[in-house]
C-alpha cells in the first residue's frame, strides 16, 4: 500500500477514529455511517480526487485506494461508501463538461456533495452497459423515471450519477450517464436493507423521477461505454479490491496483536506448526492481493483510454477483482480457524472476525465472479499471444 502524504494522513486520522468508534453500531443496526460521512466531509476527503483548481486535494488514484484500504481495516461498509464516491468523482473529473465541472466539483471539494451511484436496474442481470429505462428530451431538459434495486448510501446522497437510455435510443446499449442533484428530482426510498454483511452501506431500492438540464449529461449521450471503460469499471474493481484487502489486513493485524498479548502467550504455543501454517496461509493470500492491486494500479496509470479497452488490461483488472473477492474472505476464514470459536466466531468480540467474514461474503457477488469468468474466457480467446501487462 502506498504510504500516505503526511498532510493527507493528518486529515484521515480523525476519520479513522470516527469510523472505528461507530463501526459495530452501524453493523448491528444496519445503519448508514453518518458520523463517518460527516468526518469525511469536514476533513476534505470527499474532495480527494478533485483537482486543486476546483478547490480539491488534487489526490491520485493510489491515494484513493490507500485511504479506502485504511478505512476498511475498521469498517468495510464505510470504506465502500468512500471508494464508490471516489469513482463518481473521477467520472466527473475526466468526462464531464468544463461547465459542469466548475459547477459541481467545488461543492464536492467543500464536502457539501456526497455522490451516489445509480447503475443497477431490475431485469438486466447486472449488465452495466445496457438499460431498460427510457428518457425523453423536452427542450433543454431530460425527463427520467428511474428505479434502481440497489443504491449504496442513496438515501443520504446529495447528488447522483444515473444511467439510463439516451433520448431516442434505438437499442438497449445506447446508455447515457446523467448528473442529478437531489433537489432536481423526486427521490423515494422503496424498501429497507437487512443483509448478512455490508450492513452499513444501506444499499436500498430507490426511485428517481423528474427532469435535469441537458448539459448535465456526463460524456456524450449514449456513450456511457466510454466512461465505463475509462473510469467506472476499473475504479470499481480497484476500489472494491482495496476495501476487501483492507478488511482482511485489519483482521490479520488484530489477530497477531491478540496472539502476542501476554494472556494469549501463556495460553497458546506460538511455535505450534498448525498455528504458524495458518498464519502463513492467511498472510500469503493478503500479500497476493496486495501485489495484484499494486500492479494493476500501476498498469492502469500507464495506459491510454484506448488501451484500457484492450483484452490484456481487461483480463488483468477482472482477475484482480475475482482474486481479491476470493482470497480476502479465505484469509479471514483461516484466521477464524486459528483463533477458534470464542475469538473468531462469536459476535461482539474485539477481533471482529465474524463481521469481517460476513462483509467479505458480498465480494464475489459485487458484479458476480461467474460473469467475470465468462468475460475473461472470451477475452482469452481474443489474445492469442497471451499478452501480459
Protein backbone atom coordinates (compact mmCIF):
# COMPACT_ATOMS: atom_id res chain seq x y z
CA UNK A 1 0.00 0.00 0.00
CA UNK A 2 1.23 3.47 -0.89
CA UNK A 3 2.44 5.49 2.10
CA UNK A 4 0.18 8.46 2.63
CA UNK A 5 1.44 12.00 2.40
CA UNK A 6 1.74 13.31 5.99
CA UNK A 7 -0.83 16.07 5.34
CA UNK A 8 -3.31 13.54 3.96
CA UNK A 9 -2.61 11.18 6.86
CA UNK A 10 -3.38 14.04 9.27
CA UNK A 11 -6.73 14.64 7.55
CA UNK A 12 -7.52 10.93 7.66
CA UNK A 13 -6.71 10.33 11.35
CA UNK A 14 -9.96 11.73 12.83
CA UNK A 15 -11.96 9.96 10.14
CA UNK A 16 -10.45 6.61 11.13
CA UNK A 17 -11.21 7.31 14.79
CA UNK A 18 -14.83 8.06 13.98
CA UNK A 19 -15.18 5.03 11.74
CA UNK A 20 -13.74 2.72 14.39
CA UNK A 21 -15.97 4.20 17.11
CA UNK A 22 -19.22 3.62 15.22
CA UNK A 23 -18.48 0.51 13.10
CA UNK A 24 -20.07 -2.08 15.42
CA UNK A 25 -23.21 0.01 15.94
CA UNK A 26 -23.66 0.60 12.20
CA UNK A 27 -23.38 -3.14 11.62
CA UNK A 28 -25.76 -4.00 14.45
CA UNK A 29 -28.46 -1.59 13.29
CA UNK A 30 -27.77 -1.78 9.54
CA UNK A 31 -27.34 1.98 9.83
CA UNK A 32 -25.53 4.18 7.34
CA UNK A 33 -22.23 5.53 8.80
CA UNK A 34 -23.44 9.11 9.07
CA UNK A 35 -20.80 10.11 11.62
CA UNK A 36 -18.08 8.76 9.33
CA UNK A 37 -19.53 10.61 6.33
CA UNK A 38 -19.63 13.83 8.37
CA UNK A 39 -15.97 13.33 9.27
CA UNK A 40 -15.15 12.76 5.59
CA UNK A 41 -16.96 15.97 4.69
CA UNK A 42 -15.22 18.14 7.29
CA UNK A 43 -11.79 16.62 6.59
CA UNK A 44 -11.98 17.47 2.90
CA UNK A 45 -11.58 13.80 1.94
CA UNK A 46 -14.72 13.81 -0.21
CA UNK A 47 -12.71 16.12 -2.46
CA UNK A 48 -9.64 13.87 -2.51
CA UNK A 49 -9.71 13.36 -6.30
CA UNK A 50 -10.92 16.88 -7.12
CA UNK A 51 -8.17 18.89 -8.87
CA UNK A 52 -6.72 21.79 -6.90
CA UNK A 53 -8.07 24.33 -9.40
CA UNK A 54 -11.58 23.44 -8.20
CA UNK A 55 -10.59 23.57 -4.52
CA UNK A 56 -9.88 19.86 -4.05
CA UNK A 57 -6.94 17.95 -2.62
CA UNK A 58 -5.55 17.00 -6.05
CA UNK A 59 -5.16 13.40 -4.90
CA UNK A 60 -4.31 10.43 -7.07
CA UNK A 61 -5.84 7.02 -7.60
CA UNK A 62 -3.22 5.42 -5.31
CA UNK A 63 -4.28 7.94 -2.65
CA UNK A 64 -7.92 6.89 -3.04
CA UNK A 65 -7.03 3.20 -2.76
CA UNK A 66 -4.75 3.72 0.25
CA UNK A 67 -7.40 5.73 2.13
CA UNK A 68 -10.10 3.19 1.26
CA UNK A 69 -7.89 0.35 2.48
CA UNK A 70 -7.16 2.07 5.79
CA UNK A 71 -10.84 2.84 6.43
CA UNK A 72 -11.71 -0.79 5.63
CA UNK A 73 -9.41 -2.02 8.40
CA UNK A 74 -12.11 -0.72 10.75
CA UNK A 75 -15.32 -0.83 8.69
CA UNK A 76 -15.72 -2.21 5.20
CA UNK A 77 -19.09 -0.51 4.70
CA UNK A 78 -17.67 2.97 5.35
CA UNK A 79 -14.74 2.19 3.05
CA UNK A 80 -17.05 1.11 0.22
CA UNK A 81 -19.09 4.30 0.63
CA UNK A 82 -15.89 6.34 0.29
CA UNK A 83 -14.42 4.34 -2.61
CA UNK A 84 -17.62 4.44 -4.64
CA UNK A 85 -17.95 8.19 -4.08
CA UNK A 86 -14.39 8.49 -5.42
CA UNK A 87 -15.40 6.53 -8.52
CA UNK A 88 -18.19 9.03 -9.20
CA UNK A 89 -15.87 12.00 -8.68
CA UNK A 90 -13.35 10.53 -11.13
CA UNK A 91 -16.06 10.17 -13.76
CA UNK A 92 -16.91 13.87 -13.41
CA UNK A 93 -13.26 14.94 -13.43
CA UNK A 94 -12.45 13.03 -16.61
CA UNK A 95 -15.70 13.11 -18.60
CA UNK A 96 -17.96 15.97 -17.52
CA UNK A 97 -18.00 19.21 -19.47
CA UNK A 98 -15.90 22.05 -18.12
CA UNK A 99 -19.06 23.98 -17.28
CA UNK A 100 -20.42 21.06 -15.22
CA UNK A 101 -17.07 20.53 -13.50
CA UNK A 102 -16.90 24.20 -12.49
CA UNK A 103 -20.40 23.94 -11.02
CA UNK A 104 -20.12 20.64 -9.17
CA UNK A 105 -16.52 19.92 -8.21
CA UNK A 106 -16.10 22.89 -5.82
CA UNK A 107 -19.17 21.62 -3.93
CA UNK A 108 -17.57 18.18 -3.68
CA UNK A 109 -14.29 19.72 -2.54
CA UNK A 110 -16.04 21.63 0.24
CA UNK A 111 -17.66 18.44 1.47
CA UNK A 112 -21.13 19.65 0.51
CA UNK A 113 -21.78 16.92 -2.08
CA UNK A 114 -21.60 13.18 -1.44
CA UNK A 115 -22.27 11.36 -4.72
CA UNK A 116 -24.42 8.25 -5.06
CA UNK A 117 -24.24 5.81 -7.97
CA UNK A 118 -27.43 4.68 -9.72
CA UNK A 119 -26.45 1.95 -12.18
CA UNK A 120 -28.39 -1.14 -11.04
CA UNK A 121 -31.65 -1.93 -12.76
CA UNK A 122 -34.25 -4.66 -12.30
CA UNK A 123 -34.35 -7.28 -15.02
CA UNK A 124 -30.98 -6.67 -16.68
CA UNK A 125 -28.95 -9.10 -14.57
CA UNK A 126 -26.01 -6.84 -13.79
CA UNK A 127 -25.34 -5.73 -17.37
CA UNK A 128 -23.78 -2.33 -16.66
CA UNK A 129 -23.70 -1.26 -20.30
CA UNK A 130 -27.40 -1.71 -21.02
CA UNK A 131 -30.59 -0.16 -19.74
CA UNK A 132 -34.33 -0.64 -19.97
CA UNK A 133 -35.19 2.83 -18.71
CA UNK A 134 -36.05 5.37 -21.38
CA UNK A 135 -35.64 9.14 -21.16
CA UNK A 136 -37.30 11.95 -23.05
CA UNK A 137 -35.90 15.30 -24.09
CA UNK A 138 -38.17 18.28 -23.54
CA UNK A 139 -36.41 21.42 -24.71
CA UNK A 140 -33.26 21.74 -22.63
CA UNK A 141 -34.40 19.15 -20.10
CA UNK A 142 -34.08 15.36 -19.90
CA UNK A 143 -37.05 13.70 -18.24
CA UNK A 144 -36.48 10.41 -16.46
CA UNK A 145 -38.26 7.91 -14.24
CA UNK A 146 -35.63 5.53 -12.92
CA UNK A 147 -35.98 2.70 -10.41
CA UNK A 148 -32.84 1.05 -9.02
CA UNK A 149 -32.96 -2.04 -6.75
CA UNK A 150 -29.65 -1.22 -5.02
CA UNK A 151 -28.24 2.27 -4.40
CA UNK A 152 -25.35 2.33 -1.93
CA UNK A 153 -25.91 5.16 0.54
CA UNK A 154 -28.57 6.56 -1.78
CA UNK A 155 -30.85 7.84 0.95
CA UNK A 156 -28.02 10.09 2.20
CA UNK A 157 -26.52 11.26 -1.11
CA UNK A 158 -26.63 14.92 -2.14
CA UNK A 159 -26.41 14.13 -5.85
CA UNK A 160 -26.31 11.12 -8.15
CA UNK A 161 -24.78 9.80 -11.34
CA UNK A 162 -27.62 7.92 -13.05
CA UNK A 163 -27.54 5.62 -16.07
CA UNK A 164 -30.50 5.46 -18.45
CA UNK A 165 -31.13 5.19 -22.18
CA UNK A 166 -30.34 8.25 -24.23
CA UNK A 167 -33.37 10.13 -25.57
CA UNK A 168 -34.46 8.47 -28.80
CA UNK A 169 -32.26 5.40 -28.22
CA UNK A 170 -32.82 2.56 -30.69
CA UNK A 171 -31.02 -0.15 -28.69
CA UNK A 172 -30.56 -1.00 -25.02
CA UNK A 173 -26.83 -0.27 -25.32
CA UNK A 174 -27.24 3.44 -26.02
CA UNK A 175 -26.81 4.39 -22.37
CA UNK A 176 -26.15 7.88 -21.02
CA UNK A 177 -24.73 8.93 -17.65
CA UNK A 178 -26.56 11.88 -16.12
CA UNK A 179 -25.60 14.02 -13.12
CA UNK A 180 -28.60 14.95 -10.99
CA UNK A 181 -28.79 16.90 -7.76
CA UNK A 182 -31.19 15.60 -5.16
CA UNK A 183 -33.16 18.85 -5.29
CA UNK A 184 -33.79 18.35 -9.01
CA UNK A 185 -35.63 15.05 -8.56
CA UNK A 186 -38.37 13.41 -6.57
CA UNK A 187 -36.35 10.81 -4.63
CA UNK A 188 -38.13 7.88 -2.99
CA UNK A 189 -36.75 5.04 -0.88
CA UNK A 190 -38.77 1.93 -1.78
CA UNK A 191 -37.60 -0.60 0.79
CA UNK A 192 -35.22 -1.44 3.59
CA UNK A 193 -31.78 -3.05 3.84
CA UNK A 194 -31.23 -6.02 6.16
CA UNK A 195 -28.40 -8.11 4.68
CA UNK A 196 -25.91 -10.64 6.02
CA UNK A 197 -22.99 -8.22 5.80
CA UNK A 198 -22.11 -4.81 4.39
CA UNK A 199 -24.93 -3.61 6.57
CA UNK A 200 -23.70 -0.05 6.91
CA UNK A 201 -23.83 0.63 3.16
CA UNK A 202 -27.62 0.84 3.43
CA UNK A 203 -27.97 -0.10 -0.25
CA UNK A 204 -31.71 0.45 -0.53
CA UNK A 205 -34.03 0.30 -3.55
CA UNK A 206 -34.92 3.77 -4.82
CA UNK A 207 -36.90 5.62 -7.47
CA UNK A 208 -35.86 8.87 -9.13
CA UNK A 209 -38.32 10.94 -11.17
CA UNK A 210 -38.01 14.40 -12.63
CA UNK A 211 -36.04 16.37 -15.18
CA UNK A 212 -32.48 17.66 -15.30
CA UNK A 213 -30.81 20.11 -17.70
CA UNK A 214 -29.36 18.56 -20.83
CA UNK A 215 -25.91 19.93 -20.03
CA UNK A 216 -25.70 17.58 -17.03
CA UNK A 217 -25.00 14.57 -19.25
CA UNK A 218 -21.53 13.24 -18.41
CA UNK A 219 -19.77 12.44 -21.67
CA UNK A 220 -21.66 12.12 -24.94
CA UNK A 221 -25.28 10.98 -24.99
CA UNK A 222 -25.47 7.21 -25.42
CA UNK A 223 -21.73 6.80 -24.84
CA UNK A 224 -21.58 5.51 -21.27
CA UNK A 225 -19.41 2.66 -22.58
CA UNK A 226 -16.52 5.09 -22.99
CA UNK A 227 -16.89 6.33 -19.39
CA UNK A 228 -17.16 2.74 -18.16
CA UNK A 229 -14.02 1.51 -19.91
CA UNK A 230 -12.00 4.56 -18.88
CA UNK A 231 -13.18 5.10 -15.28
CA UNK A 232 -16.25 3.27 -13.98
CA UNK A 233 -15.23 -0.37 -14.38
CA UNK A 234 -11.53 -0.09 -13.46
CA UNK A 235 -12.15 2.12 -10.43
CA UNK A 236 -14.90 -0.23 -9.27
CA UNK A 237 -12.60 -3.26 -9.35
CA UNK A 238 -9.61 -1.40 -7.96
CA UNK A 239 -11.63 0.36 -5.25
CA UNK A 240 -13.57 -2.72 -4.16
CA UNK A 241 -10.37 -4.76 -4.05
CA UNK A 242 -8.71 -2.14 -1.84
CA UNK A 243 -11.65 -2.31 0.57
CA UNK A 244 -11.61 -6.11 0.70
CA UNK A 245 -7.85 -6.09 1.17
CA UNK A 246 -8.06 -3.56 3.98
CA UNK A 247 -10.71 -5.63 5.75
CA UNK A 248 -8.58 -8.78 5.58
CA UNK A 249 -5.38 -6.96 6.56
CA UNK A 250 -7.11 -5.37 9.55
CA UNK A 251 -8.34 -8.79 10.65
CA UNK A 252 -4.82 -10.21 10.40
CA UNK A 253 -3.32 -7.30 12.33
CA UNK A 254 -5.82 -7.64 15.18
CA UNK A 255 -5.26 -11.39 15.30
CA UNK A 256 -1.48 -11.10 15.51
CA UNK A 257 -1.77 -8.50 18.25
CA UNK A 258 -4.02 -10.88 20.20
CA UNK A 259 -1.60 -13.79 19.75
CA UNK A 260 1.30 -11.68 21.00
CA UNK A 261 -0.57 -10.42 24.07
CA UNK A 262 0.66 -11.73 27.44
CA UNK A 263 -2.54 -13.66 28.19
CA UNK A 264 -2.55 -15.46 24.85
CA UNK A 265 1.17 -16.22 25.00
CA UNK A 266 0.52 -18.03 28.26
CA UNK A 267 -2.36 -19.99 26.76
CA UNK A 268 -1.00 -20.79 23.31
CA UNK A 269 2.11 -22.33 21.88
CA UNK A 270 3.21 -19.73 19.33
CA UNK A 271 5.63 -22.30 17.89
CA UNK A 272 2.77 -24.63 17.01
CA UNK A 273 3.21 -25.80 13.41
CA UNK A 274 -0.55 -25.64 12.80
CA UNK A 275 -0.77 -22.05 14.10
CA UNK A 276 2.23 -20.93 12.07
CA UNK A 277 0.97 -22.64 8.91
CA UNK A 278 -2.44 -20.97 9.21
CA UNK A 279 -0.85 -17.57 9.79
CA UNK A 280 1.35 -18.15 6.77
CA UNK A 281 -1.58 -19.04 4.52
CA UNK A 282 -3.59 -16.01 5.63
CA UNK A 283 -0.62 -13.70 5.09
CA UNK A 284 0.11 -15.22 1.66
CA UNK A 285 -3.46 -14.59 0.50
CA UNK A 286 -3.32 -10.98 1.65
CA UNK A 287 0.11 -10.35 0.12
CA UNK A 288 -1.07 -11.87 -3.17
CA UNK A 289 -3.97 -9.44 -3.39
CA UNK A 290 -1.75 -6.51 -2.40
CA UNK A 291 0.72 -7.40 -5.17
CA UNK A 292 -2.03 -7.70 -7.78
CA UNK A 293 -3.68 -4.46 -6.68
CA UNK A 294 -0.39 -2.54 -6.75
CA UNK A 295 0.49 -3.91 -10.18
CA UNK A 296 -2.96 -3.26 -11.66
CA UNK A 297 -2.92 0.32 -10.32
CA UNK A 298 0.44 0.97 -12.00
CA UNK A 299 -0.72 -0.56 -15.28
CA UNK A 300 -3.93 1.48 -15.28
CA UNK A 301 -1.96 4.72 -14.89
CA UNK A 302 0.30 3.79 -17.81
CA UNK A 303 -2.48 3.07 -20.32
CA UNK A 304 -4.23 5.40 -22.72
CA UNK A 305 -8.03 5.46 -22.80
CA UNK A 306 -7.94 3.31 -25.94
CA UNK A 307 -5.60 0.75 -24.35
CA UNK A 308 -7.93 0.42 -21.35
CA UNK A 309 -10.42 -1.19 -23.71
CA UNK A 310 -7.93 -3.85 -24.79
CA UNK A 311 -8.04 -7.52 -23.80
CA UNK A 312 -4.80 -7.64 -21.74
CA UNK A 313 -5.91 -4.88 -19.35
CA UNK A 314 -9.47 -6.14 -19.11
CA UNK A 315 -8.19 -9.62 -18.26
CA UNK A 316 -5.92 -8.23 -15.55
CA UNK A 317 -8.46 -5.97 -13.83
CA UNK A 318 -11.18 -8.63 -13.95
CA UNK A 319 -8.75 -11.17 -12.49
CA UNK A 320 -7.86 -8.73 -9.73
CA UNK A 321 -11.50 -8.45 -8.72
CA UNK A 322 -12.05 -12.22 -8.75
CA UNK A 323 -8.82 -12.94 -6.88
CA UNK A 324 -9.41 -10.27 -4.22
CA UNK A 325 -13.01 -11.38 -3.70
CA UNK A 326 -11.91 -14.98 -3.11
CA UNK A 327 -8.60 -14.61 -1.29
CA UNK A 328 -9.63 -11.94 1.25
CA UNK A 329 -12.56 -13.88 2.76
CA UNK A 330 -10.45 -17.04 2.63
CA UNK A 331 -7.75 -15.29 4.68
CA UNK A 332 -10.28 -14.24 7.34
CA UNK A 333 -11.76 -17.72 7.41
CA UNK A 334 -8.26 -19.09 8.05
CA UNK A 335 -7.89 -16.69 10.98
CA UNK A 336 -11.21 -17.82 12.46
CA UNK A 337 -9.99 -21.42 12.33
CA UNK A 338 -6.78 -20.31 14.01
CA UNK A 339 -8.25 -18.42 16.99
CA UNK A 340 -11.31 -20.65 17.42
CA UNK A 341 -14.95 -20.16 18.31
CA UNK A 342 -14.67 -17.63 21.12
CA UNK A 343 -12.46 -15.04 19.41
CA UNK A 344 -13.39 -15.85 15.83
CA UNK A 345 -16.99 -16.99 15.55
CA UNK A 346 -18.87 -15.18 18.29
CA UNK A 347 -20.30 -11.73 17.69
CA UNK A 348 -19.16 -8.60 19.53
CA UNK A 349 -15.62 -9.82 20.02
CA UNK A 350 -12.66 -7.41 19.81
CA UNK A 351 -11.22 -9.12 16.73
CA UNK A 352 -14.46 -8.56 14.76
CA UNK A 353 -13.58 -11.55 12.55
CA UNK A 354 -17.21 -12.62 12.36
CA UNK A 355 -18.21 -9.20 10.98
CA UNK A 356 -15.28 -9.13 8.57
CA UNK A 357 -16.25 -12.53 7.16
CA UNK A 358 -19.90 -11.50 6.76
CA UNK A 359 -18.87 -8.32 4.99
CA UNK A 360 -16.45 -10.12 2.70
CA UNK A 361 -19.06 -12.69 1.68
CA UNK A 362 -20.54 -9.98 -0.53
CA UNK A 363 -17.32 -9.61 -2.54
CA UNK A 364 -17.96 -12.36 -5.07
CA UNK A 365 -21.50 -11.02 -5.60
CA UNK A 366 -20.46 -7.43 -6.40
CA UNK A 367 -20.67 -7.86 -10.15
CA UNK A 368 -20.68 -11.65 -9.97
CA UNK A 369 -17.48 -13.63 -10.40
CA UNK A 370 -19.19 -16.08 -12.75
CA UNK A 371 -19.93 -13.21 -15.14
CA UNK A 372 -16.31 -12.07 -15.00
CA UNK A 373 -15.01 -15.59 -15.65
CA UNK A 374 -17.19 -15.77 -18.78
CA UNK A 375 -15.86 -12.40 -19.93
CA UNK A 376 -12.26 -13.43 -19.27
CA UNK A 377 -12.73 -16.71 -21.10
CA UNK A 378 -13.91 -14.83 -24.19
CA UNK A 379 -11.14 -12.25 -23.87
CA UNK A 380 -8.54 -15.01 -23.57
CA UNK A 381 -9.62 -16.36 -26.95
CA UNK A 382 -9.03 -12.93 -28.47
CA UNK A 383 -5.49 -12.68 -27.06
CA UNK A 384 -3.62 -15.39 -28.98
CA UNK A 385 -0.22 -14.18 -27.73
CA UNK A 386 -1.32 -14.32 -24.08
CA UNK A 387 -0.11 -10.75 -23.66
CA UNK A 388 0.79 -9.91 -20.07
CA UNK A 389 0.67 -6.32 -18.85
